[in-house]
Amino acid sequence: MSEPHESTRSSPPVAPRDLGFRTPLAHRVVERAIAIVAVGALAALFAIVVFVAREALPLLWESGSLGDLFAPRRWAGYDAPAFVWQPVGAVPKLNVVPLLVGTLKVTVMAMLVSAPLGIACAIYVAKLAPRGLRAWLKPAIELLAAVPGVVLGFFALVAISDGVESVLGLTYRLNGLVAALGLALAVVPVIFTIAEDALSSVPRALEEAALALGARRWQVVMRVVVPAALPGLAAAVLLGLGRAIGETMIVLMASGNAAVLRLFDPTSSARTVTATIAGELGEVAQGERHWRVLFLLGLLLLALTWGLQRLGAFVIARLRRRWSAEKA
């Protein structure tokens, strides 16, 4: 077989500079500006971690500090060792377990409401709603994300608490359930926006193929579209979880703010980590043990957020590999 002609052989791409062209000055300025902003964001994140850790880490070499923070202790006035958060008093009780339990309780209840509701709204808007209704419904739901947390907290304090109290006949007007319902209002638009984008990005050819095989509309949505968009739906739920854990004003205004250690009682008062930091950091003297414990709580939140981000990346990558294998 004859050798290919010299002109038909592939040649490496020629850079614009090799042809005598230079990148415009404006483009180079924009490139440098973007690089500076990216490096600045990393530097700011590093500075935040260093600042919080500098105030919190001295607790590690203070005798007995970590034991008091995470283990039960026999306090005066208690019959048995207990987890207690009462920073004000003759003997400050700074055990963070009730705060972690309150955060977990409120977050889980909020996600149980917001995750199904956000994904259901995304499925309806992306695949079932008429085009005219979709043009109005999608911006209306996404507009909830622009409502300040203090406004949602006030709504939960005034409206949701009255409704829950009248329906369930609760003893305490402000409790973890009221805070979770108010928090769900803030999480729904986050989950909805990402889930709707994931569902809309599913190739139209998959739906048309399923319809051509005789599948009904609901079957196409639940058995074709939703499995194909599962990585995006998982990302939406995990981002909503991060939003729920980091919210401050709603839980500060509507949870009752009593550090009650009742994980499985949704109607009891709750005190979250974020509400504790926001409510108490301005009332303590710098350098005191209480001050350092609050910064330790902030460090725990940073670690939890990073862990959720890594877990989300792992879950999404796993789901994408599974979908690619099934598709192949």
Foldseek 3Di string as FASTA:
>chain_A
DDDDDPVPDDDDDDDPVNVVDDDDPVVVVVVVVVVVVVVVVVVVVVVVLVVLCVLQVVLVPDPPSVCQAAPFDDDPPDPDTDQDQACDDPDGRHHCVLQALLLVQLLVLLLVPQLVVLLVVLLCLQQNDDPVVSVVVLVVLLVLLVDDLLVLLVCLLPPVLVVCCVVVVAPDSFASNSLSVSLNSNLSSQLNVQSNVLLNPDDPVQLVVCVVVPDDSVCCSPVPRCLSSVLSNLVSSLVSSLSSSQDANNLLRGQQQHSDPDNPDRGHGGHHLNPCLVVPCVPDDRPDPVNNVNSVSVSVSVVVNVVSVVVSVVVSVVSVVVVVVVVD
